[in-house]
Amino acid sequence: MITYSFATVIVLILVLIISMFKVLREYERAVVFLLGRFYQVKGPGLIIIIPIIQQMVRVDLRTIVLDVPTQDLITRDNVSVKVNAVVYFRVVEPKMAINNVENYLEATSQLSQTTLRSVLGQHELDELLSARDELNKDLQSILDQHTDNWGIKVANVEIKHVDLDESMVRALARQAEAERSRRAKVIHATGELEASAKLKEAAEVLNQAPNAVQLRYMQTLTEISNDRTTTIVFPMPIDLLDKAARMMKKSPECQSGGGDTKTDSDILDSSNQMD
C-alpha cells in the first residue's frame, strides 16, 4: 500500500509538472490570472502556468470574419429592405478583450447588427444601392469607435446584399427605363441642335457663293444616279425660272410693243368690233 501511494503521488507530481508548460502559437496570447487577479499577458512560444494558483485564457489575434445576419430596416424614404453585411476585426489588446467584456465575439456581433440598422435607416434607398463605399466607411468608423474600449480593431465592413420586394424591383426597373429614355431624348435633341447650327453655317457660306448651290445640286444628281437608274425626276430650280422671267421683261420686243405682239387693249378692241 505504501508503494502504491508513493507511485500515485509521483504520477500526480509528473502530471502537474507537465501541465505547467503551455505552448502558444504565433497568433495566440495567454491572459494569465494569479489567484483571480490579472497578472500579465504571455506568449507566443513556451510559457509556464502554475497549476491551481494561475489560470490562463487563450486569445486569438488573427482577423475574424463575422457574418452579420440579415436585418430588416426602413430607409429614410420609407422603403422596407433586408440588408446583411460582413465585419472584419481582430483583437489588439488581449487584456481588454477578456476583462472589459464578457464575450467579445457576441458583443461585436450584436453591436454590428444594431449599428447596421441605425446607420442605414438614416439614408435613402438610392444611397444604399449606389453609395456603398461611403456607407461602409461610416459603419467601420462607428463600430471601431465603440469597440475601442474592448481592445478590438474593426478593419473593414462590407454590405453584402440589399434585398427588395418584387414591387420595388419593378418600380426601379421602370425608373431606370424612364431615365434611359430621357437620356436618349436629350442626346437626340443635342444632336439636332448641333446639326441645325452646322446647317445654318453651311447656308451662310452657300449664300455668299450662289454658283456653289448649282454645283451642289449637280453633285446630288450624280450621287443618286447608278447603273439601275433609268429615269430621274428632279424639280426645276426656282431661281432659274426667276432669271428667265427677268430676261423676258428686259427683252426689246416686250418693251417696244412692236411686231406681231398684241397687247391686252388691242384684243379687247377687236372683240368689240366683232360684236
C-alpha atoms as a PDB file:
ATOM      1  CA  MET A   1       0.000   0.000   0.000  1.00  0.00           C
ATOM      2  CA  ILE A   2       2.815   2.409   0.805  1.00  0.00           C
ATOM      3  CA  THR A   3       4.447   1.678  -2.520  1.00  0.00           C
ATOM      4  CA  TYR A   4       1.145   2.190  -4.322  1.00  0.00           C
ATOM      5  CA  SER A   5       0.535   5.507  -2.593  1.00  0.00           C
ATOM      6  CA  PHE A   6       4.063   6.695  -3.324  1.00  0.00           C
ATOM      7  CA  ALA A   7       3.673   5.813  -7.003  1.00  0.00           C
ATOM      8  CA  THR A   8       0.386   7.696  -7.137  1.00  0.00           C
ATOM      9  CA  VAL A   9       1.997  10.804  -5.671  1.00  0.00           C
ATOM     10  CA  ILE A  10       4.838  10.594  -8.179  1.00  0.00           C
ATOM     11  CA  VAL A  11       2.363  10.359 -11.052  1.00  0.00           C
ATOM     12  CA  LEU A  12       0.381  13.359  -9.789  1.00  0.00           C
ATOM     13  CA  ILE A  13       3.541  15.398  -9.467  1.00  0.00           C
ATOM     14  CA  LEU A  14       4.576  14.497 -13.015  1.00  0.00           C
ATOM     15  CA  VAL A  15       1.123  15.416 -14.322  1.00  0.00           C
ATOM     16  CA  LEU A  16       1.274  18.769 -12.552  1.00  0.00           C
ATOM     17  CA  ILE A  17       4.750  19.460 -13.901  1.00  0.00           C
ATOM     18  CA  ILE A  18       3.699  18.590 -17.434  1.00  0.00           C
ATOM     19  CA  SER A  19       0.559  20.726 -17.153  1.00  0.00           C
ATOM     20  CA  MET A  20       2.679  23.711 -16.165  1.00  0.00           C
ATOM     21  CA  PHE A  21       4.112  24.008 -19.644  1.00  0.00           C
ATOM     22  CA  LYS A  22       1.949  25.552 -22.345  1.00  0.00           C
ATOM     23  CA  VAL A  23       2.822  26.204 -25.965  1.00  0.00           C
ATOM     24  CA  LEU A  24       1.200  29.158 -27.717  1.00  0.00           C
ATOM     25  CA  ARG A  25       1.245  29.659 -31.471  1.00  0.00           C
ATOM     26  CA  GLU A  26       2.472  32.877 -33.068  1.00  0.00           C
ATOM     27  CA  TYR A  27      -1.059  34.285 -33.346  1.00  0.00           C
ATOM     28  CA  GLU A  28      -2.091  33.345 -29.794  1.00  0.00           C
ATOM     29  CA  ARG A  29      -1.702  35.133 -26.485  1.00  0.00           C
ATOM     30  CA  ALA A  30      -2.435  33.976 -22.923  1.00  0.00           C
ATOM     31  CA  VAL A  31      -4.121  36.292 -20.448  1.00  0.00           C
ATOM     32  CA  VAL A  32      -2.824  34.982 -17.108  1.00  0.00           C
ATOM     33  CA  PHE A  33      -4.662  35.446 -13.779  1.00  0.00           C
ATOM     34  CA  LEU A  34      -2.944  34.939 -10.431  1.00  0.00           C
ATOM     35  CA  LEU A  35      -5.448  33.954  -7.726  1.00  0.00           C
ATOM     36  CA  GLY A  36      -8.193  35.613  -9.694  1.00  0.00           C
ATOM     37  CA  ARG A  37      -6.365  38.868 -10.363  1.00  0.00           C
ATOM     38  CA  PHE A  38      -4.888  39.839 -13.691  1.00  0.00           C
ATOM     39  CA  TYR A  39      -1.207  39.026 -13.783  1.00  0.00           C
ATOM     40  CA  GLN A  40       0.166  39.510 -17.313  1.00  0.00           C
ATOM     41  CA  VAL A  41      -0.170  38.598 -20.974  1.00  0.00           C
ATOM     42  CA  LYS A  42       2.188  35.817 -22.096  1.00  0.00           C
ATOM     43  CA  GLY A  43       3.157  34.306 -25.418  1.00  0.00           C
ATOM     44  CA  PRO A  44       3.831  33.245 -28.000  1.00  0.00           C
ATOM     45  CA  GLY A  45       6.004  30.182 -27.502  1.00  0.00           C
ATOM     46  CA  LEU A  46       6.581  28.116 -24.339  1.00  0.00           C
ATOM     47  CA  ILE A  47       5.124  29.545 -21.131  1.00  0.00           C
ATOM     48  CA  ILE A  48       4.792  28.222 -17.581  1.00  0.00           C
ATOM     49  CA  ILE A  49       1.490  28.293 -15.720  1.00  0.00           C
ATOM     50  CA  ILE A  50       1.496  27.255 -12.067  1.00  0.00           C
ATOM     51  CA  PRO A  51      -1.467  24.934 -11.561  1.00  0.00           C
ATOM     52  CA  ILE A  52      -4.234  25.944  -9.139  1.00  0.00           C
ATOM     53  CA  ILE A  53      -2.575  29.301  -8.454  1.00  0.00           C
ATOM     54  CA  GLN A  54      -2.620  30.618 -12.002  1.00  0.00           C
ATOM     55  CA  GLN A  55      -5.199  30.381 -14.783  1.00  0.00           C
ATOM     56  CA  MET A  56      -4.953  31.472 -18.382  1.00  0.00           C
ATOM     57  CA  VAL A  57      -7.341  32.372 -21.191  1.00  0.00           C
ATOM     58  CA  ARG A  58      -6.248  31.942 -24.825  1.00  0.00           C
ATOM     59  CA  VAL A  59      -6.912  34.830 -27.182  1.00  0.00           C
ATOM     60  CA  ASP A  60      -6.655  34.594 -30.972  1.00  0.00           C
ATOM     61  CA  LEU A  61      -5.096  37.674 -32.584  1.00  0.00           C
ATOM     62  CA  ARG A  62      -5.967  36.782 -36.185  1.00  0.00           C
ATOM     63  CA  THR A  63      -8.544  38.711 -38.163  1.00  0.00           C
ATOM     64  CA  ILE A  64     -12.013  37.333 -37.504  1.00  0.00           C
ATOM     65  CA  VAL A  65     -14.684  37.320 -40.210  1.00  0.00           C
ATOM     66  CA  LEU A  66     -18.088  37.990 -38.682  1.00  0.00           C
ATOM     67  CA  ASP A  67     -21.181  37.445 -40.811  1.00  0.00           C
ATOM     68  CA  VAL A  68     -23.902  39.871 -39.708  1.00  0.00           C
ATOM     69  CA  PRO A  69     -27.362  38.258 -40.041  1.00  0.00           C
ATOM     70  CA  THR A  70     -29.949  39.784 -42.359  1.00  0.00           C
ATOM     71  CA  GLN A  71     -31.575  42.841 -40.812  1.00  0.00           C
ATOM     72  CA  ASP A  72     -34.996  44.283 -41.681  1.00  0.00           C
ATOM     73  CA  LEU A  73     -34.932  48.053 -41.803  1.00  0.00           C
ATOM     74  CA  ILE A  74     -36.844  51.000 -43.231  1.00  0.00           C
ATOM     75  CA  THR A  75     -34.920  53.635 -45.149  1.00  0.00           C
ATOM     76  CA  ARG A  76     -35.437  57.375 -44.803  1.00  0.00           C
ATOM     77  CA  ASP A  77     -37.774  57.367 -47.830  1.00  0.00           C
ATOM     78  CA  ASN A  78     -39.960  54.665 -46.163  1.00  0.00           C
ATOM     79  CA  VAL A  79     -38.797  51.668 -48.199  1.00  0.00           C
ATOM     80  CA  SER A  80     -38.602  48.306 -46.437  1.00  0.00           C
ATOM     81  CA  VAL A  81     -35.403  46.405 -47.277  1.00  0.00           C
ATOM     82  CA  LYS A  82     -33.364  43.497 -45.956  1.00  0.00           C
ATOM     83  CA  VAL A  83     -29.637  44.054 -45.559  1.00  0.00           C
ATOM     84  CA  ASN A  84     -26.782  41.846 -44.414  1.00  0.00           C
ATOM     85  CA  ALA A  85     -23.094  42.577 -44.064  1.00  0.00           C
ATOM     86  CA  VAL A  86     -19.729  41.139 -43.089  1.00  0.00           C
ATOM     87  CA  VAL A  87     -17.351  42.611 -40.488  1.00  0.00           C
ATOM     88  CA  TYR A  88     -13.582  42.070 -40.341  1.00  0.00           C
ATOM     89  CA  PHE A  89     -11.992  42.710 -36.939  1.00  0.00           C
ATOM     90  CA  ARG A  90      -9.181  41.494 -34.704  1.00  0.00           C
ATOM     91  CA  VAL A  91      -8.108  41.697 -31.075  1.00  0.00           C
ATOM     92  CA  VAL A  92      -5.268  44.148 -30.484  1.00  0.00           C
ATOM     93  CA  GLU A  93      -5.398  44.234 -26.660  1.00  0.00           C
ATOM     94  CA  PRO A  94      -5.983  40.745 -25.178  1.00  0.00           C
ATOM     95  CA  LYS A  95      -6.222  42.120 -21.637  1.00  0.00           C
ATOM     96  CA  MET A  96      -9.083  44.476 -22.523  1.00  0.00           C
ATOM     97  CA  ALA A  97     -10.863  41.879 -24.675  1.00  0.00           C
ATOM     98  CA  ILE A  98     -11.040  39.493 -21.704  1.00  0.00           C
ATOM     99  CA  ASN A  99     -11.513  41.884 -18.783  1.00  0.00           C
ATOM    100  CA  ASN A 100     -13.756  44.592 -20.282  1.00  0.00           C
ATOM    101  CA  VAL A 101     -16.396  42.440 -21.981  1.00  0.00           C
ATOM    102  CA  GLU A 102     -17.836  39.026 -21.205  1.00  0.00           C
ATOM    103  CA  ASN A 103     -17.764  37.643 -24.770  1.00  0.00           C
ATOM    104  CA  TYR A 104     -16.175  39.946 -27.309  1.00  0.00           C
ATOM    105  CA  LEU A 105     -17.362  37.858 -30.270  1.00  0.00           C
ATOM    106  CA  GLU A 106     -21.012  38.006 -29.245  1.00  0.00           C
ATOM    107  CA  ALA A 107     -20.731  41.652 -28.214  1.00  0.00           C
ATOM    108  CA  THR A 108     -19.239  42.647 -31.579  1.00  0.00           C
ATOM    109  CA  SER A 109     -21.940  40.703 -33.434  1.00  0.00           C
ATOM    110  CA  GLN A 110     -24.804  42.378 -31.555  1.00  0.00           C
ATOM    111  CA  LEU A 111     -23.225  45.809 -31.910  1.00  0.00           C
ATOM    112  CA  SER A 112     -22.815  45.265 -35.660  1.00  0.00           C
ATOM    113  CA  GLN A 113     -26.496  44.374 -36.055  1.00  0.00           C
ATOM    114  CA  THR A 114     -27.794  47.414 -34.187  1.00  0.00           C
ATOM    115  CA  THR A 115     -25.343  49.767 -35.901  1.00  0.00           C
ATOM    116  CA  LEU A 116     -26.310  48.392 -39.318  1.00  0.00           C
ATOM    117  CA  ARG A 117     -29.993  49.133 -38.703  1.00  0.00           C
ATOM    118  CA  SER A 118     -29.466  52.585 -37.199  1.00  0.00           C
ATOM    119  CA  VAL A 119     -26.955  53.870 -39.778  1.00  0.00           C
ATOM    120  CA  LEU A 120     -28.610  52.538 -42.944  1.00  0.00           C
ATOM    121  CA  GLY A 121     -32.027  53.655 -41.730  1.00  0.00           C
ATOM    122  CA  GLN A 122     -30.835  57.267 -41.968  1.00  0.00           C
ATOM    123  CA  HIS A 123     -30.213  57.031 -45.729  1.00  0.00           C
ATOM    124  CA  GLU A 124     -32.448  56.708 -48.770  1.00  0.00           C
ATOM    125  CA  LEU A 125     -32.724  53.649 -50.976  1.00  0.00           C
ATOM    126  CA  ASP A 126     -30.721  55.203 -53.816  1.00  0.00           C
ATOM    127  CA  GLU A 127     -27.816  55.769 -51.450  1.00  0.00           C
ATOM    128  CA  LEU A 128     -27.940  52.145 -50.265  1.00  0.00           C
ATOM    129  CA  LEU A 129     -27.659  50.976 -53.870  1.00  0.00           C
ATOM    130  CA  SER A 130     -25.130  53.475 -55.235  1.00  0.00           C
ATOM    131  CA  ALA A 131     -23.079  54.822 -52.299  1.00  0.00           C
ATOM    132  CA  ARG A 132     -21.961  51.635 -50.599  1.00  0.00           C
ATOM    133  CA  ASP A 133     -18.358  52.729 -50.208  1.00  0.00           C
ATOM    134  CA  GLU A 134     -19.347  55.751 -48.116  1.00  0.00           C
ATOM    135  CA  LEU A 135     -21.769  53.672 -46.049  1.00  0.00           C
ATOM    136  CA  ASN A 136     -19.121  51.016 -45.423  1.00  0.00           C
ATOM    137  CA  LYS A 137     -16.725  53.678 -44.167  1.00  0.00           C
ATOM    138  CA  ASP A 138     -19.390  55.132 -41.851  1.00  0.00           C
ATOM    139  CA  LEU A 139     -20.180  51.706 -40.396  1.00  0.00           C
ATOM    140  CA  GLN A 140     -16.498  50.893 -39.920  1.00  0.00           C
ATOM    141  CA  SER A 141     -15.837  54.192 -38.155  1.00  0.00           C
ATOM    142  CA  ILE A 142     -18.782  53.819 -35.760  1.00  0.00           C
ATOM    143  CA  LEU A 143     -18.022  50.186 -34.902  1.00  0.00           C
ATOM    144  CA  ASP A 144     -14.334  50.894 -34.402  1.00  0.00           C
ATOM    145  CA  GLN A 145     -15.161  53.752 -32.049  1.00  0.00           C
ATOM    146  CA  HIS A 146     -17.469  51.596 -29.898  1.00  0.00           C
ATOM    147  CA  THR A 147     -15.183  48.547 -29.779  1.00  0.00           C
ATOM    148  CA  ASP A 148     -12.055  50.528 -28.904  1.00  0.00           C
ATOM    149  CA  ASN A 149     -12.740  50.017 -25.178  1.00  0.00           C
ATOM    150  CA  TRP A 150     -12.847  46.259 -25.793  1.00  0.00           C
ATOM    151  CA  GLY A 151      -9.376  46.138 -27.323  1.00  0.00           C
ATOM    152  CA  ILE A 152     -10.820  45.324 -30.758  1.00  0.00           C
ATOM    153  CA  LYS A 153      -9.906  46.943 -34.067  1.00  0.00           C
ATOM    154  CA  VAL A 154     -12.565  46.860 -36.791  1.00  0.00           C
ATOM    155  CA  ALA A 155     -10.642  46.732 -40.058  1.00  0.00           C
ATOM    156  CA  ASN A 156     -13.463  46.753 -42.584  1.00  0.00           C
ATOM    157  CA  VAL A 157     -17.227  46.495 -43.004  1.00  0.00           C
ATOM    158  CA  GLU A 158     -18.838  45.404 -46.272  1.00  0.00           C
ATOM    159  CA  ILE A 159     -22.541  45.470 -47.125  1.00  0.00           C
ATOM    160  CA  LYS A 160     -23.219  42.188 -48.935  1.00  0.00           C
ATOM    161  CA  HIS A 161     -26.819  42.216 -50.141  1.00  0.00           C
ATOM    162  CA  VAL A 162     -29.736  44.651 -50.265  1.00  0.00           C
ATOM    163  CA  ASP A 163     -32.914  42.645 -50.888  1.00  0.00           C
ATOM    164  CA  LEU A 164     -36.037  44.435 -52.150  1.00  0.00           C
ATOM    165  CA  ASP A 165     -39.651  43.417 -52.660  1.00  0.00           C
ATOM    166  CA  GLU A 166     -40.745  42.431 -56.170  1.00  0.00           C
ATOM    167  CA  SER A 167     -42.939  45.512 -56.457  1.00  0.00           C
ATOM    168  CA  MET A 168     -39.994  47.749 -55.606  1.00  0.00           C
ATOM    169  CA  VAL A 169     -37.798  45.901 -58.106  1.00  0.00           C
ATOM    170  CA  ARG A 170     -40.367  46.550 -60.846  1.00  0.00           C
ATOM    171  CA  ALA A 171     -40.612  50.198 -59.832  1.00  0.00           C
ATOM    172  CA  LEU A 172     -36.827  50.571 -60.040  1.00  0.00           C
ATOM    173  CA  ALA A 173     -36.850  48.897 -63.449  1.00  0.00           C
ATOM    174  CA  ARG A 174     -39.452  51.388 -64.706  1.00  0.00           C
ATOM    175  CA  GLN A 175     -37.442  54.242 -63.241  1.00  0.00           C
ATOM    176  CA  ALA A 176     -34.271  53.039 -64.958  1.00  0.00           C
ATOM    177  CA  GLU A 177     -36.124  52.677 -68.267  1.00  0.00           C
ATOM    178  CA  ALA A 178     -37.541  56.194 -67.973  1.00  0.00           C
ATOM    179  CA  GLU A 179     -34.068  57.525 -67.182  1.00  0.00           C
ATOM    180  CA  ARG A 180     -32.595  55.832 -70.254  1.00  0.00           C
ATOM    181  CA  SER A 181     -35.422  57.230 -72.412  1.00  0.00           C
ATOM    182  CA  ARG A 182     -34.801  60.718 -71.030  1.00  0.00           C
ATOM    183  CA  ARG A 183     -31.096  60.493 -71.806  1.00  0.00           C
ATOM    184  CA  ALA A 184     -31.832  59.284 -75.343  1.00  0.00           C
ATOM    185  CA  LYS A 185     -34.139  62.232 -75.955  1.00  0.00           C
ATOM    186  CA  VAL A 186     -31.602  64.681 -74.562  1.00  0.00           C
ATOM    187  CA  ILE A 187     -28.872  63.232 -76.765  1.00  0.00           C
ATOM    188  CA  HIS A 188     -31.158  63.353 -79.821  1.00  0.00           C
ATOM    189  CA  ALA A 189     -32.138  66.971 -79.106  1.00  0.00           C
ATOM    190  CA  THR A 190     -28.497  67.921 -78.622  1.00  0.00           C
ATOM    191  CA  GLY A 191     -27.640  66.333 -81.953  1.00  0.00           C
ATOM    192  CA  GLU A 192     -30.463  68.213 -83.701  1.00  0.00           C
ATOM    193  CA  LEU A 193     -29.270  71.468 -82.192  1.00  0.00           C
ATOM    194  CA  GLU A 194     -25.701  70.916 -83.332  1.00  0.00           C
ATOM    195  CA  ALA A 195     -26.887  69.823 -86.789  1.00  0.00           C
ATOM    196  CA  SER A 196     -29.078  72.917 -87.174  1.00  0.00           C
ATOM    197  CA  ALA A 197     -26.157  75.143 -86.212  1.00  0.00           C
ATOM    198  CA  LYS A 198     -23.968  73.486 -88.839  1.00  0.00           C
ATOM    199  CA  LEU A 199     -26.716  73.788 -91.469  1.00  0.00           C
ATOM    200  CA  LYS A 200     -27.039  77.459 -90.667  1.00  0.00           C
ATOM    201  CA  GLU A 201     -23.306  77.941 -91.205  1.00  0.00           C
ATOM    202  CA  ALA A 202     -23.489  76.000 -94.482  1.00  0.00           C
ATOM    203  CA  ALA A 203     -26.410  78.130 -95.679  1.00  0.00           C
ATOM    204  CA  GLU A 204     -24.485  81.317 -94.938  1.00  0.00           C
ATOM    205  CA  VAL A 205     -21.496  80.014 -96.903  1.00  0.00           C
ATOM    206  CA  LEU A 206     -23.668  78.999 -99.877  1.00  0.00           C
ATOM    207  CA  ASN A 207     -25.451  82.351 -99.793  1.00  0.00           C
ATOM    208  CA  GLN A 208     -22.142  84.094-100.357  1.00  0.00           C
ATOM    209  CA  ALA A 209     -21.444  81.923-103.456  1.00  0.00           C
ATOM    210  CA  PRO A 210     -24.690  81.271-105.461  1.00  0.00           C
ATOM    211  CA  ASN A 211     -22.894  79.091-108.027  1.00  0.00           C
ATOM    212  CA  ALA A 212     -21.998  76.671-105.252  1.00  0.00           C
ATOM    213  CA  VAL A 213     -25.701  75.806-104.948  1.00  0.00           C
ATOM    214  CA  GLN A 214     -25.811  74.672-108.570  1.00  0.00           C
ATOM    215  CA  LEU A 215     -22.626  72.641-108.099  1.00  0.00           C
ATOM    216  CA  ARG A 216     -24.091  71.006-105.054  1.00  0.00           C
ATOM    217  CA  TYR A 217     -27.284  70.308-106.977  1.00  0.00           C
ATOM    218  CA  MET A 218     -25.389  68.607-109.800  1.00  0.00           C
ATOM    219  CA  GLN A 219     -23.328  66.612-107.332  1.00  0.00           C
ATOM    220  CA  THR A 220     -26.516  65.314-105.741  1.00  0.00           C
ATOM    221  CA  LEU A 221     -27.824  64.189-109.146  1.00  0.00           C
ATOM    222  CA  THR A 222     -24.556  62.359-109.752  1.00  0.00           C
ATOM    223  CA  GLU A 223     -24.792  60.568-106.415  1.00  0.00           C
ATOM    224  CA  ILE A 224     -28.375  59.320-106.904  1.00  0.00           C
ATOM    225  CA  SER A 225     -27.698  58.047-110.423  1.00  0.00           C
ATOM    226  CA  ASN A 226     -26.399  54.470-110.818  1.00  0.00           C
ATOM    227  CA  ASP A 227     -26.470  51.572-113.233  1.00  0.00           C
ATOM    228  CA  ARG A 228     -30.034  50.541-112.374  1.00  0.00           C
ATOM    229  CA  THR A 229     -31.484  54.007-112.690  1.00  0.00           C
ATOM    230  CA  THR A 230     -33.340  54.597-115.943  1.00  0.00           C
ATOM    231  CA  THR A 231     -35.359  57.710-115.125  1.00  0.00           C
ATOM    232  CA  ILE A 232     -34.526  60.567-112.783  1.00  0.00           C
ATOM    233  CA  VAL A 233     -37.210  63.060-111.870  1.00  0.00           C
ATOM    234  CA  PHE A 234     -35.953  66.258-110.307  1.00  0.00           C
ATOM    235  CA  PRO A 235     -37.588  69.656-109.743  1.00  0.00           C
ATOM    236  CA  MET A 236     -36.752  72.724-111.811  1.00  0.00           C
ATOM    237  CA  PRO A 237     -34.754  75.208-109.747  1.00  0.00           C
ATOM    238  CA  ILE A 238     -36.914  78.172-108.785  1.00  0.00           C
ATOM    239  CA  ASP A 239     -34.120  80.674-109.229  1.00  0.00           C
ATOM    240  CA  LEU A 240     -33.783  79.552-112.866  1.00  0.00           C
ATOM    241  CA  LEU A 241     -37.424  80.461-113.544  1.00  0.00           C
ATOM    242  CA  ASP A 242     -36.927  83.832-111.865  1.00  0.00           C
ATOM    243  CA  LYS A 243     -33.950  84.575-114.097  1.00  0.00           C
ATOM    244  CA  ALA A 244     -35.924  83.620-117.223  1.00  0.00           C
ATOM    245  CA  ALA A 245     -38.801  85.902-116.237  1.00  0.00           C
ATOM    246  CA  ARG A 246     -36.451  88.805-115.667  1.00  0.00           C
ATOM    247  CA  MET A 247     -34.825  88.232-119.056  1.00  0.00           C
ATOM    248  CA  MET A 248     -38.204  88.260-120.826  1.00  0.00           C
ATOM    249  CA  LYS A 249     -39.147  91.557-119.189  1.00  0.00           C
ATOM    250  CA  LYS A 250     -35.876  93.093-120.292  1.00  0.00           C
ATOM    251  CA  SER A 251     -36.238  91.956-123.974  1.00  0.00           C
ATOM    252  CA  PRO A 252     -36.657  94.817-126.595  1.00  0.00           C
ATOM    253  CA  GLU A 253     -39.862  93.413-128.100  1.00  0.00           C
ATOM    254  CA  CYS A 254     -41.682  93.394-124.799  1.00  0.00           C
ATOM    255  CA  GLN A 255     -40.553  96.933-124.054  1.00  0.00           C
ATOM    256  CA  SER A 256     -41.400  98.414-127.573  1.00  0.00           C
ATOM    257  CA  GLY A 257     -44.685  96.539-128.085  1.00  0.00           C
ATOM    258  CA  GLY A 258     -43.904  96.251-131.927  1.00  0.00           C
ATOM    259  CA  GLY A 259     -44.183  93.327-134.277  1.00  0.00           C
ATOM    260  CA  ASP A 260     -46.984  90.837-134.109  1.00  0.00           C
ATOM    261  CA  THR A 261     -47.247  91.021-130.408  1.00  0.00           C
ATOM    262  CA  LYS A 262     -50.710  92.173-129.279  1.00  0.00           C
ATOM    263  CA  THR A 263     -51.440  93.858-126.077  1.00  0.00           C
ATOM    264  CA  ASP A 264     -54.481  93.287-123.931  1.00  0.00           C
ATOM    265  CA  SER A 265     -56.154  96.537-125.162  1.00  0.00           C
ATOM    266  CA  ASP A 266     -55.885  95.502-128.850  1.00  0.00           C
ATOM    267  CA  ILE A 267     -57.515  92.165-128.140  1.00  0.00           C
ATOM    268  CA  LEU A 268     -60.347  93.926-126.286  1.00  0.00           C
ATOM    269  CA  ASP A 269     -60.999  96.371-129.204  1.00  0.00           C
ATOM    270  CA  SER A 270     -61.148  93.586-131.780  1.00  0.00           C
ATOM    271  CA  SER A 271     -63.676  91.678-129.724  1.00  0.00           C
ATOM    272  CA  ASN A 272     -65.921  94.782-129.511  1.00  0.00           C
ATOM    273  CA  GLN A 273     -65.884  95.255-133.304  1.00  0.00           C
ATOM    274  CA  MET A 274     -66.972  91.674-133.832  1.00  0.00           C
ATOM    275  CA  ASP A 275     -69.909  92.233-131.566  1.00  0.00           C
END
